Every structure is written in structure tokens, then in C-alpha cells.
Amino acid sequence: MREVLWERLRRTEIEQAAKAGAVAIIPIASLEQHANHLPVNTDSNIVSTIAERAARAIEGVPVLVLPPIWTGYSPHHMAYPGSVTLKYHTFVDLLTQVASSVHAHGFRKILLLNGHGGNSAVVAGMRTKLAEEDGVSAVGYDYWNLPPMPEAMRRLCTTDKGFVGHAGEFETSAQMYLQPELVDGREAVWAPGAFGDPSAATAEKGRGVIEAAVEALVRLLRAYHSGEVEERLRWRKGAPE
């Protein structure tokens, strides 16, 4: 099995991957409360798993996965124990410096893969910020918005109605599949600080949504590696606004 985790590679292997035009995935998450039944590493666990599984599943496209950025923008969760947040501009600076470091080693396709709703607006804006201010080419996406992920979520997690929620049916199902030993099933009911119905969760639903997310990410990686993503995003003079 080929190694895809950045931190497990030697510098010569990372150099070879850059020369081969590899896509570098930077998973971005948070460390925050997930009600009374899920661990605080929920976002990091889900997004890192999706990134690693997609990198291993894809054929013909070199992909490396960096260690996750484990804390993000979560001031709205600080009322509950276990949450750690960065200030807005600290978060932007952190993403900038990590992406710039990856770019400095020759990677020209950098994917910021977000796994926390509070990060979404920042991650979406990083493409323009990095390109215009730092000379770094990167794109940013929420894993749950990659097509056809929303349709899979609506089909499998009916109480969430296609929304990622917070410690609800979707995230609880994913954790029951990925980290069942860390889920307290006795507490899997709505509590303040949660969004959704965790009582509807099952490990089988979790397997389904994780597999759908991996498939969606593989599709995005192929499009990014081929240049299709940049072509869609490129601004053209004379194009209608």
C-alpha cells in the first residue's frame, strides 16, 4: 500500500511527489464540543478519514494528505467545555502559512478540505486571498458540499435533511462507524449546543455517508489534477458578470 500521509514520508519522497504534480490535501477541522455523546475530535476525525481514504482509493493521480489543522474558528462553541478556538485573523494567518509552506516545496495544487461549518466562509475565501496576496494556488471546499454528497446525506440521514448539523444524525452516524468506542449511546439525544437528532443515527448510515464523501472527493481530485477545476474558476475578461 502506497503511503499518502505527509508526516510519514521522507523529504526525498515529498520532493518526488511535488515533481509528479501531486495534489496536497490540507484537512481543516476544529476542536469543539459535540453535545454530550460525541468526542471533541469529531470534525478532525471525519475530515481526515475522508481525505486519507480518498488519497488511497484514487488511481493515476498522486495525492498527499497533510496532518489536519485541528483547531479552527469556533467562538460560538466556547460556552461548552472542551472547545478551543482561534481568532479570525489568527486562523487566516495559520491557513496562509501552512499553504505557503506546501507551495514553497513545489506543490501547485493545494486543496483546503474543510470539516467544520464555522470555518466555511474563511476557507471559501482563501483561494482568492492566497492567489492575490501570497502567490499560492489553492482551492477550498467543505466535504459535505461536494456533489453528489448532499443527495447522499438527504437519502441516508433523513432527519438532517441534507444538512451537516452539529452532533445530529449525520455526525453521530459517522462517529458510530468510525469511532464507536468514543460514542456514548446513552447520551445520544439532543442537548444544548447540538443541532439535529442524534437518536436517528446508525453506524450503517455512517458507513454510507463516509463512502459517499470519499467517492465525491475522488471525483474532485481528478477534476483538480486535470485542470478542470481551475478552468471553471478562472475569471475571463469580457465574460458576463
Protein backbone atom coordinates (compact mmCIF):
# COMPACT_ATOMS: atom_id res chain seq x y z
CA MET A 1 0.00 0.00 0.00
CA ARG A 2 1.49 3.33 -1.05
CA GLU A 3 1.98 5.94 1.67
CA VAL A 4 -0.14 9.07 1.33
CA LEU A 5 0.36 10.70 4.73
CA TRP A 6 2.75 13.65 4.54
CA GLU A 7 4.13 13.14 8.05
CA ARG A 8 5.16 9.54 7.33
CA LEU A 9 7.24 10.40 4.27
CA ARG A 10 10.89 11.34 3.95
CA ARG A 11 11.87 14.64 2.39
CA THR A 12 13.04 12.91 -0.79
CA GLU A 13 9.63 11.27 -1.20
CA ILE A 14 7.83 14.58 -0.71
CA GLU A 15 10.11 16.17 -3.30
CA GLN A 16 9.29 13.38 -5.77
CA ALA A 17 5.55 13.83 -5.15
CA ALA A 18 5.80 17.55 -5.88
CA LYS A 19 7.68 16.87 -9.12
CA ALA A 20 4.97 14.37 -10.08
CA GLY A 21 2.31 17.10 -9.74
CA ALA A 22 0.67 15.65 -6.65
CA VAL A 23 -2.38 17.26 -5.09
CA ALA A 24 -1.69 18.18 -1.46
CA ILE A 25 -4.76 18.00 0.78
CA ILE A 26 -4.82 20.09 3.95
CA PRO A 27 -7.70 18.84 6.14
CA ILE A 28 -9.12 21.66 8.25
CA ALA A 29 -11.25 20.97 11.30
CA SER A 30 -11.94 22.17 14.84
CA LEU A 31 -11.64 21.02 18.41
CA GLU A 32 -15.02 21.64 19.99
CA GLN A 33 -17.86 20.21 21.97
CA HIS A 34 -20.20 17.84 20.17
CA ALA A 35 -23.01 17.61 22.72
CA ASN A 36 -22.83 15.01 25.48
CA HIS A 37 -22.33 11.93 23.33
CA LEU A 38 -19.54 12.63 20.81
CA PRO A 39 -15.81 13.30 21.27
CA VAL A 40 -14.37 16.75 20.71
CA ASN A 41 -12.23 15.44 17.82
CA THR A 42 -15.32 14.63 15.72
CA ASP A 43 -14.69 17.14 12.92
CA SER A 44 -10.99 16.34 12.69
CA ASN A 45 -11.63 12.59 12.65
CA ILE A 46 -14.22 12.77 9.88
CA VAL A 47 -12.39 15.10 7.51
CA SER A 48 -9.02 13.37 7.97
CA THR A 49 -10.55 9.97 7.34
CA ILE A 50 -12.26 11.15 4.16
CA ALA A 51 -9.04 12.72 2.89
CA GLU A 52 -6.87 9.68 3.62
CA ARG A 53 -9.33 7.17 2.19
CA ALA A 54 -9.77 9.19 -0.99
CA ALA A 55 -6.00 9.54 -1.40
CA ARG A 56 -5.61 5.78 -1.09
CA ALA A 57 -8.57 4.98 -3.33
CA ILE A 58 -7.71 7.17 -6.30
CA GLU A 59 -5.69 5.66 -9.13
CA GLY A 60 -3.47 7.53 -11.54
CA VAL A 61 -3.43 10.77 -9.51
CA PRO A 62 -0.71 11.35 -6.88
CA VAL A 63 -2.15 12.73 -3.64
CA LEU A 64 -0.60 13.55 -0.27
CA VAL A 65 -2.55 14.34 2.90
CA LEU A 66 -1.10 16.69 5.49
CA PRO A 67 -1.83 16.37 9.22
CA PRO A 68 -5.13 18.10 9.99
CA ILE A 69 -5.35 21.64 11.22
CA TRP A 70 -7.12 20.54 14.37
CA THR A 71 -8.47 23.86 15.60
CA GLY A 72 -10.40 26.48 13.66
CA TYR A 73 -12.90 29.27 14.11
CA SER A 74 -15.31 28.19 16.84
CA PRO A 75 -16.12 31.11 19.15
CA HIS A 76 -19.79 30.07 19.16
CA HIS A 77 -18.86 26.81 20.93
CA MET A 78 -16.81 28.34 23.74
CA ALA A 79 -19.74 28.25 26.15
CA TYR A 80 -19.22 24.49 26.38
CA PRO A 81 -16.23 22.61 27.83
CA GLY A 82 -13.59 21.18 25.55
CA SER A 83 -13.78 23.74 22.77
CA VAL A 84 -10.66 25.51 21.50
CA THR A 85 -10.88 28.38 19.02
CA LEU A 86 -8.57 30.65 17.10
CA LYS A 87 -9.27 34.31 16.49
CA TYR A 88 -10.43 35.04 12.94
CA HIS A 89 -7.21 36.61 11.70
CA THR A 90 -5.08 34.03 13.51
CA PHE A 91 -6.96 31.32 11.64
CA VAL A 92 -6.44 33.09 8.30
CA ASP A 93 -2.73 33.51 9.07
CA LEU A 94 -2.38 29.85 10.03
CA LEU A 95 -4.00 28.65 6.80
CA THR A 96 -1.87 31.07 4.81
CA GLN A 97 1.38 29.93 6.37
CA VAL A 98 0.64 26.21 6.04
CA ALA A 99 -0.45 26.57 2.40
CA SER A 100 2.55 28.81 1.63
CA SER A 101 4.91 26.25 3.15
CA VAL A 102 3.43 23.48 1.00
CA HIS A 103 3.66 25.74 -2.07
CA ALA A 104 7.33 26.52 -1.29
CA HIS A 105 8.14 22.83 -1.70
CA GLY A 106 6.84 22.78 -5.27
CA PHE A 107 3.17 21.82 -4.87
CA ARG A 108 0.92 23.75 -7.24
CA LYS A 109 -2.36 22.04 -6.48
CA ILE A 110 -3.33 22.55 -2.86
CA LEU A 111 -6.77 21.53 -1.61
CA LEU A 112 -8.09 23.01 1.62
CA LEU A 113 -10.65 20.40 2.68
CA ASN A 114 -12.89 21.80 5.40
CA GLY A 115 -14.67 19.74 8.03
CA HIS A 116 -16.24 22.39 10.30
CA GLY A 117 -19.14 24.69 9.47
CA GLY A 118 -17.66 27.65 11.35
CA ASN A 119 -14.66 27.56 9.01
CA SER A 120 -16.65 27.57 5.77
CA ALA A 121 -16.61 31.27 4.94
CA VAL A 122 -12.90 31.58 5.71
CA VAL A 123 -11.91 28.51 3.69
CA ALA A 124 -14.05 29.61 0.73
CA GLY A 125 -12.28 32.96 0.66
CA MET A 126 -8.77 31.57 0.93
CA ARG A 127 -8.44 30.81 -2.79
CA THR A 128 -8.55 34.50 -3.71
CA LYS A 129 -6.57 35.60 -0.67
CA LEU A 130 -3.75 33.12 -1.32
CA ALA A 131 -3.61 33.81 -5.04
CA GLU A 132 -3.70 37.61 -4.87
CA GLU A 133 -1.70 38.26 -1.70
CA ASP A 134 0.66 35.28 -1.44
CA GLY A 135 1.12 33.89 -4.96
CA VAL A 136 -0.19 30.49 -3.86
CA SER A 137 -2.59 28.41 -5.96
CA ALA A 138 -5.18 26.64 -3.82
CA VAL A 139 -8.88 25.80 -3.69
CA GLY A 140 -11.15 25.26 -0.70
CA TYR A 141 -14.25 23.11 -0.24
CA ASP A 142 -16.49 21.74 2.52
CA TYR A 143 -16.53 17.96 2.16
CA TRP A 144 -20.31 17.84 2.69
CA ASN A 145 -20.98 20.13 -0.26
CA LEU A 146 -19.06 18.10 -2.83
CA PRO A 147 -21.51 16.69 -5.40
CA PRO A 148 -23.22 14.24 -5.03
CA MET A 149 -22.67 14.36 -1.25
CA PRO A 150 -25.77 16.50 -0.44
CA GLU A 151 -28.02 13.98 -2.20
CA ALA A 152 -26.43 11.08 -0.29
CA MET A 153 -26.91 12.93 3.00
CA ARG A 154 -30.59 13.62 2.26
CA ARG A 155 -31.12 9.97 1.35
CA LEU A 156 -29.29 8.44 4.30
CA CYS A 157 -29.84 10.97 7.09
CA THR A 158 -33.47 11.97 6.70
CA THR A 159 -33.86 13.98 9.91
CA ASP A 160 -30.90 16.20 8.98
CA LYS A 161 -32.46 16.79 5.54
CA GLY A 162 -29.11 17.08 3.79
CA PHE A 163 -27.60 19.45 6.36
CA VAL A 164 -24.42 18.51 8.20
CA GLY A 165 -25.87 19.76 11.52
CA HIS A 166 -23.86 19.52 14.71
CA ALA A 167 -23.75 16.28 16.69
CA GLY A 168 -27.02 15.29 14.98
CA GLU A 169 -27.91 12.30 12.84
CA PHE A 170 -25.12 12.77 10.29
CA GLU A 171 -22.14 13.35 12.58
CA THR A 172 -23.34 10.82 15.14
CA SER A 173 -23.74 8.18 12.43
CA ALA A 174 -20.25 8.92 11.13
CA GLN A 175 -18.75 8.59 14.60
CA MET A 176 -20.67 5.40 15.34
CA TYR A 177 -18.99 3.99 12.23
CA LEU A 178 -15.51 5.50 12.64
CA GLN A 179 -15.03 5.75 16.43
CA PRO A 180 -17.79 3.70 18.10
CA GLU A 181 -15.72 3.31 21.25
CA LEU A 182 -15.88 7.10 21.80
CA VAL A 183 -19.65 7.47 21.34
CA ASP A 184 -21.84 7.42 24.45
CA GLY A 185 -25.06 5.92 23.11
CA ARG A 186 -26.89 6.58 26.38
CA GLU A 187 -26.44 10.32 25.82
CA ALA A 188 -27.28 10.29 22.10
CA VAL A 189 -30.20 12.70 22.42
CA TRP A 190 -30.49 16.39 21.67
CA ALA A 191 -28.74 18.69 24.15
CA PRO A 192 -27.96 22.42 24.17
CA GLY A 193 -25.14 23.11 21.74
CA ALA A 194 -26.28 20.43 19.29
CA PHE A 195 -28.20 20.74 16.02
CA GLY A 196 -30.14 17.73 14.80
CA ASP A 197 -31.44 14.43 16.12
CA PRO A 198 -28.67 12.02 17.17
CA SER A 199 -31.20 9.36 18.20
CA ALA A 200 -31.80 8.62 14.50
CA ALA A 201 -28.12 7.76 13.90
CA THR A 202 -26.75 4.32 13.00
CA ALA A 203 -23.31 3.02 12.11
CA GLU A 204 -24.66 1.79 8.77
CA LYS A 205 -25.76 5.31 7.86
CA GLY A 206 -22.30 6.49 8.90
CA ARG A 207 -20.64 4.00 6.56
CA GLY A 208 -22.87 5.20 3.74
CA VAL A 209 -22.13 8.90 4.15
CA ILE A 210 -18.38 8.39 4.60
CA GLU A 211 -18.23 6.23 1.48
CA ALA A 212 -20.21 8.86 -0.42
CA ALA A 213 -17.84 11.59 0.75
CA VAL A 214 -14.79 9.57 -0.30
CA GLU A 215 -16.31 8.99 -3.73
CA ALA A 216 -17.12 12.69 -4.07
CA LEU A 217 -13.61 13.70 -3.08
CA VAL A 218 -12.02 11.27 -5.54
CA ARG A 219 -14.10 12.90 -8.25
CA LEU A 220 -12.95 16.37 -7.18
CA LEU A 221 -9.30 15.29 -7.02
CA ARG A 222 -9.46 14.02 -10.59
CA ALA A 223 -11.03 17.26 -11.79
CA TYR A 224 -8.47 19.34 -9.88
CA HIS A 225 -5.49 17.35 -11.12
CA SER A 226 -6.69 17.57 -14.72
CA GLY A 227 -7.08 21.35 -14.58
CA GLU A 228 -10.87 21.25 -14.88
CA VAL A 229 -11.42 22.95 -11.51
CA GLU A 230 -9.15 25.90 -12.31
CA GLU A 231 -10.79 26.26 -15.71
CA ARG A 232 -14.21 26.59 -14.08
CA LEU A 233 -12.92 29.13 -11.56
CA ARG A 234 -10.85 31.25 -13.93
CA TRP A 235 -12.10 34.79 -14.43
CA ARG A 236 -12.23 35.86 -18.06
CA LYS A 237 -12.16 39.37 -19.46
CA GLY A 238 -15.32 40.07 -21.38
CA ALA A 239 -17.30 37.33 -19.66
CA PRO A 240 -20.76 38.37 -18.41
CA GLU A 241 -20.77 39.23 -14.71
